[in-house]
C-alpha atoms as a PDB file:
ATOM      1  CA  MET A   1    -170.974 -26.027-153.160  1.00  0.00           C
ATOM      2  CA  PRO A   2    -170.307 -26.602-149.952  1.00  0.00           C
ATOM      3  CA  LYS A   3    -167.051 -25.472-148.374  1.00  0.00           C
ATOM      4  CA  VAL A   4    -164.859 -26.390-145.590  1.00  0.00           C
ATOM      5  CA  TYR A   5    -162.241 -24.077-143.377  1.00  0.00           C
ATOM      6  CA  ALA A   6    -160.004 -25.521-140.793  1.00  0.00           C
ATOM      7  CA  SER A   7    -157.253 -23.783-139.346  1.00  0.00           C
ATOM      8  CA  SER A   8    -154.756 -23.791-136.472  1.00  0.00           C
ATOM      9  CA  VAL A   9    -151.342 -22.474-134.974  1.00  0.00           C
ATOM     10  CA  ILE A  10    -148.574 -24.703-134.892  1.00  0.00           C
ATOM     11  CA  ALA A  11    -145.985 -23.676-132.699  1.00  0.00           C
ATOM     12  CA  VAL A  12    -142.641 -24.402-134.903  1.00  0.00           C
ATOM     13  CA  PRO A  13    -141.879 -22.314-138.046  1.00  0.00           C
ATOM     14  CA  VAL A  14    -143.278 -22.561-141.482  1.00  0.00           C
ATOM     15  CA  GLU A  15    -139.967 -23.825-142.780  1.00  0.00           C
ATOM     16  CA  ARG A  16    -140.067 -26.915-140.549  1.00  0.00           C
ATOM     17  CA  VAL A  17    -144.284 -27.553-140.819  1.00  0.00           C
ATOM     18  CA  TRP A  18    -143.369 -27.184-144.742  1.00  0.00           C
ATOM     19  CA  GLU A  19    -140.743 -29.136-144.885  1.00  0.00           C
ATOM     20  CA  TYR A  20    -142.844 -32.379-143.134  1.00  0.00           C
ATOM     21  CA  ILE A  21    -146.266 -31.861-145.279  1.00  0.00           C
ATOM     22  CA  ARG A  22    -144.707 -30.766-148.595  1.00  0.00           C
ATOM     23  CA  ASP A  23    -144.481 -33.932-150.349  1.00  0.00           C
ATOM     24  CA  PHE A  24    -147.516 -34.820-151.760  1.00  0.00           C
ATOM     25  CA  ASN A  25    -146.821 -38.405-150.921  1.00  0.00           C
ATOM     26  CA  SER A  26    -146.451 -38.079-147.542  1.00  0.00           C
ATOM     27  CA  LEU A  27    -150.103 -38.484-146.316  1.00  0.00           C
ATOM     28  CA  PRO A  28    -149.455 -41.651-144.205  1.00  0.00           C
ATOM     29  CA  GLU A  29    -146.882 -39.810-141.720  1.00  0.00           C
ATOM     30  CA  TRP A  30    -149.722 -36.444-140.892  1.00  0.00           C
ATOM     31  CA  PHE A  31    -152.779 -37.476-142.204  1.00  0.00           C
ATOM     32  CA  PRO A  32    -155.490 -39.750-139.931  1.00  0.00           C
ATOM     33  CA  GLY A  33    -156.762 -42.904-141.969  1.00  0.00           C
ATOM     34  CA  VAL A  34    -154.539 -42.637-144.781  1.00  0.00           C
ATOM     35  CA  THR A  35    -152.784 -46.854-144.552  1.00  0.00           C
ATOM     36  CA  ASP A  36    -149.817 -45.992-147.661  1.00  0.00           C
ATOM     37  CA  SER A  37    -149.761 -44.000-150.869  1.00  0.00           C
ATOM     38  CA  HIS A  38    -147.403 -44.016-153.704  1.00  0.00           C
ATOM     39  CA  LEU A  39    -147.290 -41.345-157.179  1.00  0.00           C
ATOM     40  CA  GLU A  40    -148.684 -42.675-159.925  1.00  0.00           C
ATOM     41  CA  GLY A  41    -147.489 -41.942-163.616  1.00  0.00           C
ATOM     42  CA  GLY A  42    -143.721 -40.637-162.899  1.00  0.00           C
ATOM     43  CA  ILE A  43    -144.464 -37.599-162.334  1.00  0.00           C
ATOM     44  CA  ALA A  44    -142.462 -36.094-159.376  1.00  0.00           C
ATOM     45  CA  SER A  45    -144.441 -34.973-156.292  1.00  0.00           C
ATOM     46  CA  GLY A  46    -144.172 -31.404-155.891  1.00  0.00           C
ATOM     47  CA  GLN A  47    -145.246 -31.010-159.640  1.00  0.00           C
ATOM     48  CA  ALA A  48    -148.461 -29.972-160.702  1.00  0.00           C
ATOM     49  CA  GLY A  49    -150.350 -32.625-162.285  1.00  0.00           C
ATOM     50  CA  CYS A  50    -148.776 -35.578-160.340  1.00  0.00           C
ATOM     51  CA  VAL A  51    -151.156 -38.303-158.971  1.00  0.00           C
ATOM     52  CA  ARG A  52    -151.260 -39.726-155.405  1.00  0.00           C
ATOM     53  CA  ASN A  53    -153.025 -42.865-155.143  1.00  0.00           C
ATOM     54  CA  PHE A  54    -153.742 -43.994-151.276  1.00  0.00           C
ATOM     55  CA  GLY A  55    -155.331 -46.066-148.595  1.00  0.00           C
ATOM     56  CA  LEU A  56    -157.997 -46.096-146.023  1.00  0.00           C
ATOM     57  CA  PRO A  57    -159.202 -47.775-143.886  1.00  0.00           C
ATOM     58  CA  GLY A  58    -160.489 -51.047-145.033  1.00  0.00           C
ATOM     59  CA  GLY A  59    -159.143 -51.335-147.950  1.00  0.00           C
ATOM     60  CA  GLY A  60    -160.829 -48.087-149.925  1.00  0.00           C
ATOM     61  CA  ARG A  61    -158.286 -45.825-152.599  1.00  0.00           C
ATOM     62  CA  MET A  62    -158.319 -42.282-153.382  1.00  0.00           C
ATOM     63  CA  ARG A  63    -156.753 -40.777-156.280  1.00  0.00           C
ATOM     64  CA  GLU A  64    -155.847 -37.258-155.921  1.00  0.00           C
ATOM     65  CA  GLN A  65    -154.089 -34.841-158.295  1.00  0.00           C
ATOM     66  CA  LEU A  66    -152.419 -32.185-157.350  1.00  0.00           C
ATOM     67  CA  LEU A  67    -152.976 -28.828-159.206  1.00  0.00           C
ATOM     68  CA  GLU A  68    -150.570 -26.290-158.057  1.00  0.00           C
ATOM     69  CA  PHE A  69    -147.975 -25.995-155.555  1.00  0.00           C
ATOM     70  CA  SER A  70    -145.699 -23.439-154.039  1.00  0.00           C
ATOM     71  CA  ASP A  71    -142.412 -23.578-151.742  1.00  0.00           C
ATOM     72  CA  GLN A  72    -142.563 -20.107-151.655  1.00  0.00           C
ATOM     73  CA  ASN A  73    -145.926 -19.783-150.629  1.00  0.00           C
ATOM     74  CA  HIS A  74    -146.011 -22.897-148.823  1.00  0.00           C
ATOM     75  CA  THR A  75    -149.115 -24.077-150.499  1.00  0.00           C
ATOM     76  CA  CYS A  76    -150.523 -26.833-152.345  1.00  0.00           C
ATOM     77  CA  LEU A  77    -153.993 -26.892-154.272  1.00  0.00           C
ATOM     78  CA  TYR A  78    -155.374 -30.575-155.231  1.00  0.00           C
ATOM     79  CA  LYS A  79    -158.394 -32.377-156.739  1.00  0.00           C
ATOM     80  CA  MET A  80    -160.294 -35.773-155.800  1.00  0.00           C
ATOM     81  CA  LEU A  81    -160.236 -37.827-159.142  1.00  0.00           C
ATOM     82  CA  ASP A  82    -161.945 -40.911-157.603  1.00  0.00           C
ATOM     83  CA  GLY A  83    -161.900 -42.555-154.280  1.00  0.00           C
ATOM     84  CA  ALA A  84    -163.982 -44.095-152.068  1.00  0.00           C
ATOM     85  CA  VAL A  85    -166.156 -41.258-150.297  1.00  0.00           C
ATOM     86  CA  PRO A  86    -169.248 -39.819-150.460  1.00  0.00           C
ATOM     87  CA  MET A  87    -168.662 -36.742-152.494  1.00  0.00           C
ATOM     88  CA  SER A  88    -168.067 -35.652-155.914  1.00  0.00           C
ATOM     89  CA  ARG A  89    -165.616 -32.410-157.253  1.00  0.00           C
ATOM     90  CA  TYR A  90    -163.820 -32.307-154.128  1.00  0.00           C
ATOM     91  CA  GLN A  91    -161.096 -29.870-154.398  1.00  0.00           C
ATOM     92  CA  ALA A  92    -158.723 -29.039-151.420  1.00  0.00           C
ATOM     93  CA  GLY A  93    -155.646 -26.831-150.587  1.00  0.00           C
ATOM     94  CA  VAL A  94    -153.513 -26.359-147.610  1.00  0.00           C
ATOM     95  CA  ARG A  95    -151.551 -22.943-146.778  1.00  0.00           C
ATOM     96  CA  LEU A  96    -149.086 -22.386-144.359  1.00  0.00           C
ATOM     97  CA  LEU A  97    -148.021 -18.694-143.378  1.00  0.00           C
ATOM     98  CA  PRO A  98    -145.365 -17.821-140.572  1.00  0.00           C
ATOM     99  CA  VAL A  99    -147.097 -15.973-137.141  1.00  0.00           C
ATOM    100  CA  THR A 100    -144.208 -13.397-136.973  1.00  0.00           C
ATOM    101  CA  ASP A 101    -144.742 -12.182-133.662  1.00  0.00           C
ATOM    102  CA  ASP A 102    -143.875 -15.818-131.982  1.00  0.00           C
ATOM    103  CA  GLY A 103    -142.357 -17.366-134.977  1.00  0.00           C
ATOM    104  CA  SER A 104    -145.068 -20.318-135.043  1.00  0.00           C
ATOM    105  CA  THR A 105    -147.024 -21.476-138.359  1.00  0.00           C
ATOM    106  CA  PHE A 106    -150.843 -20.775-139.137  1.00  0.00           C
ATOM    107  CA  ALA A 107    -152.259 -23.364-140.977  1.00  0.00           C
ATOM    108  CA  GLU A 108    -154.821 -23.940-143.141  1.00  0.00           C
ATOM    109  CA  LEU A 109    -156.891 -26.367-144.960  1.00  0.00           C
ATOM    110  CA  THR A 110    -160.160 -25.852-146.981  1.00  0.00           C
ATOM    111  CA  ALA A 111    -162.436 -27.971-149.273  1.00  0.00           C
ATOM    112  CA  GLU A 112    -165.321 -27.209-151.687  1.00  0.00           C
ATOM    113  CA  PHE A 113    -167.358 -30.464-152.454  1.00  0.00           C
ATOM    114  CA  ASP A 114    -170.290 -31.670-153.714  1.00  0.00           C
ATOM    115  CA  CYS A 115    -172.344 -34.677-152.540  1.00  0.00           C
ATOM    116  CA  ALA A 116    -175.867 -36.056-152.554  1.00  0.00           C
ATOM    117  CA  PRO A 117    -178.614 -33.652-151.095  1.00  0.00           C
ATOM    118  CA  GLY A 118    -179.173 -33.436-147.648  1.00  0.00           C
ATOM    119  CA  HIS A 119    -175.869 -34.716-146.403  1.00  0.00           C
ATOM    120  CA  GLU A 120    -173.726 -31.682-146.663  1.00  0.00           C
ATOM    121  CA  ASN A 121    -173.217 -30.766-143.170  1.00  0.00           C
ATOM    122  CA  GLU A 122    -172.261 -34.256-142.630  1.00  0.00           C
ATOM    123  CA  VAL A 123    -169.782 -34.284-145.396  1.00  0.00           C
ATOM    124  CA  ALA A 124    -168.796 -31.081-143.641  1.00  0.00           C
ATOM    125  CA  ALA A 125    -168.202 -32.134-140.013  1.00  0.00           C
ATOM    126  CA  PHE A 126    -166.429 -35.168-141.228  1.00  0.00           C
ATOM    127  CA  LEU A 127    -164.061 -33.454-143.169  1.00  0.00           C
ATOM    128  CA  GLY A 128    -163.559 -30.572-140.024  1.00  0.00           C
ATOM    129  CA  SER A 129    -162.998 -33.248-137.720  1.00  0.00           C
ATOM    130  CA  THR A 130    -160.366 -34.760-139.889  1.00  0.00           C
ATOM    131  CA  TYR A 131    -158.667 -31.854-140.777  1.00  0.00           C
ATOM    132  CA  LYS A 132    -158.339 -31.001-137.097  1.00  0.00           C
ATOM    133  CA  ALA A 133    -157.150 -34.179-136.244  1.00  0.00           C
ATOM    134  CA  ALA A 134    -154.283 -33.927-139.489  1.00  0.00           C
ATOM    135  CA  PHE A 135    -153.328 -30.702-137.504  1.00  0.00           C
ATOM    136  CA  ASP A 136    -152.954 -32.589-134.136  1.00  0.00           C
ATOM    137  CA  GLY A 137    -150.967 -35.442-135.931  1.00  0.00           C
ATOM    138  CA  ILE A 138    -148.459 -32.084-137.209  1.00  0.00           C
ATOM    139  CA  LYS A 139    -148.545 -30.842-133.516  1.00  0.00           C
ATOM    140  CA  ALA A 140    -147.855 -33.929-131.841  1.00  0.00           C
ATOM    141  CA  HIS A 141    -144.572 -34.637-134.585  1.00  0.00           C
ATOM    142  CA  PHE A 142    -143.361 -31.318-133.621  1.00  0.00           C
ATOM    143  CA  LYS A 143    -143.819 -32.083-129.676  1.00  0.00           C
ATOM    144  CA  LYS A 144    -141.480 -35.506-130.095  1.00  0.00           C
ATOM    145  CA  PRO A 145    -138.053 -35.610-128.483  1.00  0.00           C
END
């Protein structure tokens, strides 16, 4: 099962970054290529089991289920239920850690997935570049006046 790891340092305290991204339904605000999002089934964002249904450019949809969530540890883990992407068994996580010497945030995005044989590097590169764009978007948010 291929794995992807991406990290970045964001020049604001971990609490501020977590406040901005912690809502499981907030992808359109900070994740590239997400056009809209809604929660299904009446389970609140931040509760394990909630499902987000979000749109992609061109009309595709994806559904992901929250598996674990911690405000204390600034983490969440989720899996793809179905979607318009060439992979399966996708499970991903977000983790934020404080950088104690300067008050910034160390952010990590990780993923594991299956895909068609021979396409592992292509899918991993796509995810890696998408995660970098997500970090860039978060940084840009905090640079706004």
